[in-house]
Amino acid sequence: MVESGEALSVLIAVQFVVLTAVILLVAPFEAAAPLVPLFLIFLFLLYKYRY
């Protein structure tokens, strides 16, 4: 079974990735550009966590 701290960390990472994806779709890229590095890091870490 997954520990509650680990589940909370994954939930926060998923929330950040989803929110950033929506911001990238809605806002101009120049405004959302600072979020891209963290978006890519969290996306990669979620992929590695899943597989």
PDB file of N, CA and C in Angstrom:
ATOM      1  N   MET A   1       0.844  -1.191   0.000  1.00  0.00           N
ATOM      2  CA  MET A   1       0.000   0.000   0.000  1.00  0.00           C
ATOM      3  C   MET A   1       0.884   1.247   0.000  1.00  0.00           C
ATOM      4  N   VAL A   2       0.403   2.287  -0.634  1.00  0.00           N
ATOM      5  CA  VAL A   2       1.156   3.530  -0.767  1.00  0.00           C
ATOM      6  C   VAL A   2       1.043   4.333   0.523  1.00  0.00           C
ATOM      7  N   GLU A   3       2.168   4.901   0.940  1.00  0.00           N
ATOM      8  CA  GLU A   3       2.158   5.758   2.128  1.00  0.00           C
ATOM      9  C   GLU A   3       1.451   7.072   1.810  1.00  0.00           C
ATOM     10  N   SER A   4       0.879   7.678   2.825  1.00  0.00           N
ATOM     11  CA  SER A   4       0.100   8.894   2.591  1.00  0.00           C
ATOM     12  C   SER A   4       0.976  10.050   2.124  1.00  0.00           C
ATOM     13  N   GLY A   5       2.206  10.146   2.597  1.00  0.00           N
ATOM     14  CA  GLY A   5       3.107  11.208   2.158  1.00  0.00           C
ATOM     15  C   GLY A   5       3.470  11.074   0.695  1.00  0.00           C
ATOM     16  N   GLU A   6       3.679   9.835   0.265  1.00  0.00           N
ATOM     17  CA  GLU A   6       4.004   9.588  -1.141  1.00  0.00           C
ATOM     18  C   GLU A   6       2.807   9.905  -2.035  1.00  0.00           C
ATOM     19  N   ALA A   7       1.624   9.513  -1.609  1.00  0.00           N
ATOM     20  CA  ALA A   7       0.419   9.791  -2.386  1.00  0.00           C
ATOM     21  C   ALA A   7       0.174  11.294  -2.487  1.00  0.00           C
ATOM     22  N   LEU A   8       0.423  12.013  -1.419  1.00  0.00           N
ATOM     23  CA  LEU A   8       0.246  13.464  -1.429  1.00  0.00           C
ATOM     24  C   LEU A   8       1.244  14.129  -2.375  1.00  0.00           C
ATOM     25  N   SER A   9       2.474  13.663  -2.380  1.00  0.00           N
ATOM     26  CA  SER A   9       3.489  14.219  -3.282  1.00  0.00           C
ATOM     27  C   SER A   9       3.111  13.993  -4.738  1.00  0.00           C
ATOM     28  N   VAL A  10       2.640  12.804  -5.054  1.00  0.00           N
ATOM     29  CA  VAL A  10       2.237  12.503  -6.424  1.00  0.00           C
ATOM     30  C   VAL A  10       1.029  13.343  -6.813  1.00  0.00           C
ATOM     31  N   LEU A  11       0.095  13.507  -5.912  1.00  0.00           N
ATOM     32  CA  LEU A  11      -1.082  14.322  -6.192  1.00  0.00           C
ATOM     33  C   LEU A  11      -0.714  15.773  -6.466  1.00  0.00           C
ATOM     34  N   ILE A  12       0.211  16.320  -5.710  1.00  0.00           N
ATOM     35  CA  ILE A  12       0.645  17.699  -5.921  1.00  0.00           C
ATOM     36  C   ILE A  12       1.363  17.833  -7.258  1.00  0.00           C
ATOM     37  N   ALA A  13       2.194  16.854  -7.604  1.00  0.00           N
ATOM     38  CA  ALA A  13       2.891  16.895  -8.899  1.00  0.00           C
ATOM     39  C   ALA A  13       1.898  16.812 -10.053  1.00  0.00           C
ATOM     40  N   VAL A  14       0.905  15.943  -9.937  1.00  0.00           N
ATOM     41  CA  VAL A  14      -0.112  15.823 -10.992  1.00  0.00           C
ATOM     42  C   VAL A  14      -0.897  17.118 -11.111  1.00  0.00           C
ATOM     43  N   GLN A  15      -1.245  17.711  -9.989  1.00  0.00           N
ATOM     44  CA  GLN A  15      -1.982  18.971 -10.014  1.00  0.00           C
ATOM     45  C   GLN A  15      -1.159  20.066 -10.696  1.00  0.00           C
ATOM     46  N   PHE A  16       0.127  20.147 -10.413  1.00  0.00           N
ATOM     47  CA  PHE A  16       0.973  21.154 -11.048  1.00  0.00           C
ATOM     48  C   PHE A  16       1.066  20.924 -12.546  1.00  0.00           C
ATOM     49  N   VAL A  17       1.228  19.675 -12.968  1.00  0.00           N
ATOM     50  CA  VAL A  17       1.360  19.359 -14.392  1.00  0.00           C
ATOM     51  C   VAL A  17       0.069  19.707 -15.129  1.00  0.00           C
ATOM     52  N   VAL A  18      -1.062  19.348 -14.577  1.00  0.00           N
ATOM     53  CA  VAL A  18      -2.340  19.638 -15.239  1.00  0.00           C
ATOM     54  C   VAL A  18      -2.590  21.138 -15.304  1.00  0.00           C
ATOM     55  N   LEU A  19      -2.363  21.827 -14.209  1.00  0.00           N
ATOM     56  CA  LEU A  19      -2.579  23.271 -14.178  1.00  0.00           C
ATOM     57  C   LEU A  19      -1.648  23.992 -15.146  1.00  0.00           C
ATOM     58  N   THR A  20      -0.399  23.578 -15.205  1.00  0.00           N
ATOM     59  CA  THR A  20       0.543  24.194 -16.132  1.00  0.00           C
ATOM     60  C   THR A  20       0.165  23.920 -17.578  1.00  0.00           C
ATOM     61  N   ALA A  21      -0.320  22.713 -17.866  1.00  0.00           N
ATOM     62  CA  ALA A  21      -0.753  22.401 -19.233  1.00  0.00           C
ATOM     63  C   ALA A  21      -1.911  23.297 -19.646  1.00  0.00           C
ATOM     64  N   VAL A  22      -2.840  23.534 -18.746  1.00  0.00           N
ATOM     65  CA  VAL A  22      -3.966  24.420 -19.057  1.00  0.00           C
ATOM     66  C   VAL A  22      -3.471  25.853 -19.259  1.00  0.00           C
ATOM     67  N   ILE A  23      -2.559  26.293 -18.428  1.00  0.00           N
ATOM     68  CA  ILE A  23      -2.018  27.650 -18.565  1.00  0.00           C
ATOM     69  C   ILE A  23      -1.281  27.799 -19.889  1.00  0.00           C
ATOM     70  N   LEU A  24      -0.533  26.760 -20.288  1.00  0.00           N
ATOM     71  CA  LEU A  24       0.176  26.827 -21.567  1.00  0.00           C
ATOM     72  C   LEU A  24      -0.782  26.892 -22.745  1.00  0.00           C
ATOM     73  N   LEU A  25      -1.950  26.287 -22.608  1.00  0.00           N
ATOM     74  CA  LEU A  25      -2.936  26.343 -23.682  1.00  0.00           C
ATOM     75  C   LEU A  25      -3.663  27.686 -23.744  1.00  0.00           C
ATOM     76  N   VAL A  26      -3.865  28.314 -22.596  1.00  0.00           N
ATOM     77  CA  VAL A  26      -4.692  29.515 -22.524  1.00  0.00           C
ATOM     78  C   VAL A  26      -3.866  30.796 -22.619  1.00  0.00           C
ATOM     79  N   ALA A  27      -2.772  30.846 -21.883  1.00  0.00           N
ATOM     80  CA  ALA A  27      -1.989  32.078 -21.795  1.00  0.00           C
ATOM     81  C   ALA A  27      -0.975  32.162 -22.933  1.00  0.00           C
ATOM     82  N   PRO A  28      -0.505  33.361 -23.224  1.00  0.00           N
ATOM     83  CA  PRO A  28       0.586  33.493 -24.195  1.00  0.00           C
ATOM     84  C   PRO A  28       1.836  32.782 -23.685  1.00  0.00           C
ATOM     85  N   PHE A  29       2.635  32.276 -24.620  1.00  0.00           N
ATOM     86  CA  PHE A  29       3.806  31.490 -24.214  1.00  0.00           C
ATOM     87  C   PHE A  29       4.804  32.326 -23.415  1.00  0.00           C
ATOM     88  N   GLU A  30       4.931  33.595 -23.735  1.00  0.00           N
ATOM     89  CA  GLU A  30       5.875  34.449 -23.018  1.00  0.00           C
ATOM     90  C   GLU A  30       5.517  34.556 -21.536  1.00  0.00           C
ATOM     91  N   ALA A  31       4.251  34.537 -21.223  1.00  0.00           N
ATOM     92  CA  ALA A  31       3.819  34.620 -19.831  1.00  0.00           C
ATOM     93  C   ALA A  31       3.980  33.288 -19.105  1.00  0.00           C
ATOM     94  N   ALA A  32       3.837  32.186 -19.818  1.00  0.00           N
ATOM     95  CA  ALA A  32       3.895  30.866 -19.193  1.00  0.00           C
ATOM     96  C   ALA A  32       5.276  30.216 -19.301  1.00  0.00           C
ATOM     97  N   ALA A  33       6.211  30.870 -19.967  1.00  0.00           N
ATOM     98  CA  ALA A  33       7.539  30.283 -20.189  1.00  0.00           C
ATOM     99  C   ALA A  33       8.281  29.905 -18.901  1.00  0.00           C
ATOM    100  N   PRO A  34       8.192  30.674 -17.817  1.00  0.00           N
ATOM    101  CA  PRO A  34       8.911  30.267 -16.604  1.00  0.00           C
ATOM    102  C   PRO A  34       8.425  28.933 -16.013  1.00  0.00           C
ATOM    103  N   LEU A  35       7.232  28.511 -16.347  1.00  0.00           N
ATOM    104  CA  LEU A  35       6.698  27.260 -15.808  1.00  0.00           C
ATOM    105  C   LEU A  35       7.156  26.027 -16.579  1.00  0.00           C
ATOM    106  N   VAL A  36       7.672  26.215 -17.776  1.00  0.00           N
ATOM    107  CA  VAL A  36       8.007  25.086 -18.648  1.00  0.00           C
ATOM    108  C   VAL A  36       9.079  24.160 -18.053  1.00  0.00           C
ATOM    109  N   PRO A  37      10.187  24.661 -17.490  1.00  0.00           N
ATOM    110  CA  PRO A  37      11.180  23.723 -16.942  1.00  0.00           C
ATOM    111  C   PRO A  37      10.624  22.832 -15.830  1.00  0.00           C
ATOM    112  N   LEU A  38       9.890  23.420 -14.898  1.00  0.00           N
ATOM    113  CA  LEU A  38       9.291  22.610 -13.827  1.00  0.00           C
ATOM    114  C   LEU A  38       8.246  21.642 -14.372  1.00  0.00           C
ATOM    115  N   PHE A  39       7.502  22.083 -15.366  1.00  0.00           N
ATOM    116  CA  PHE A  39       6.513  21.228 -16.016  1.00  0.00           C
ATOM    117  C   PHE A  39       7.182  19.985 -16.593  1.00  0.00           C
ATOM    118  N   LEU A  40       8.278  20.180 -17.299  1.00  0.00           N
ATOM    119  CA  LEU A  40       8.975  19.049 -17.902  1.00  0.00           C
ATOM    120  C   LEU A  40       9.596  18.129 -16.853  1.00  0.00           C
ATOM    121  N   ILE A  41      10.152  18.701 -15.804  1.00  0.00           N
ATOM    122  CA  ILE A  41      10.742  17.887 -14.736  1.00  0.00           C
ATOM    123  C   ILE A  41       9.673  17.050 -14.053  1.00  0.00           C
ATOM    124  N   PHE A  42       8.565  17.672 -13.659  1.00  0.00           N
ATOM    125  CA  PHE A  42       7.494  16.926 -12.983  1.00  0.00           C
ATOM    126  C   PHE A  42       6.871  15.884 -13.910  1.00  0.00           C
ATOM    127  N   LEU A  43       6.726  16.223 -15.174  1.00  0.00           N
ATOM    128  CA  LEU A  43       6.179  15.269 -16.130  1.00  0.00           C
ATOM    129  C   LEU A  43       7.085  14.048 -16.261  1.00  0.00           C
ATOM    130  N   PHE A  44       8.386  14.267 -16.342  1.00  0.00           N
ATOM    131  CA  PHE A  44       9.331  13.161 -16.418  1.00  0.00           C
ATOM    132  C   PHE A  44       9.314  12.326 -15.134  1.00  0.00           C
ATOM    133  N   LEU A  45       9.279  12.981 -13.990  1.00  0.00           N
ATOM    134  CA  LEU A  45       9.264  12.247 -12.715  1.00  0.00           C
ATOM    135  C   LEU A  45       7.976  11.435 -12.541  1.00  0.00           C
ATOM    136  N   LEU A  46       6.856  11.975 -12.982  1.00  0.00           N
ATOM    137  CA  LEU A  46       5.613  11.211 -12.916  1.00  0.00           C
ATOM    138  C   LEU A  46       5.672  10.008 -13.843  1.00  0.00           C
ATOM    139  N   TYR A  47       6.290  10.178 -15.011  1.00  0.00           N
ATOM    140  CA  TYR A  47       6.453   9.051 -15.933  1.00  0.00           C
ATOM    141  C   TYR A  47       7.334   7.974 -15.302  1.00  0.00           C
ATOM    142  N   LYS A  48       8.448   8.377 -14.681  1.00  0.00           N
ATOM    143  CA  LYS A  48       9.336   7.415 -14.043  1.00  0.00           C
ATOM    144  C   LYS A  48       8.658   6.753 -12.832  1.00  0.00           C
ATOM    145  N   TYR A  49       7.813   7.480 -12.122  1.00  0.00           N
ATOM    146  CA  TYR A  49       7.104   6.917 -10.982  1.00  0.00           C
ATOM    147  C   TYR A  49       6.107   5.854 -11.443  1.00  0.00           C
ATOM    148  N   ARG A  50       5.477   6.105 -12.570  1.00  0.00           N
ATOM    149  CA  ARG A  50       4.450   5.185 -13.073  1.00  0.00           C
ATOM    150  C   ARG A  50       5.067   3.917 -13.627  1.00  0.00           C
ATOM    151  N   TYR A  51       6.214   4.030 -14.340  1.00  0.00           N
ATOM    152  CA  TYR A  51       6.819   2.849 -14.980  1.00  0.00           C
ATOM    153  C   TYR A  51       8.131   2.486 -14.398  1.00  0.00           C
TER     154      TYR A  51
END
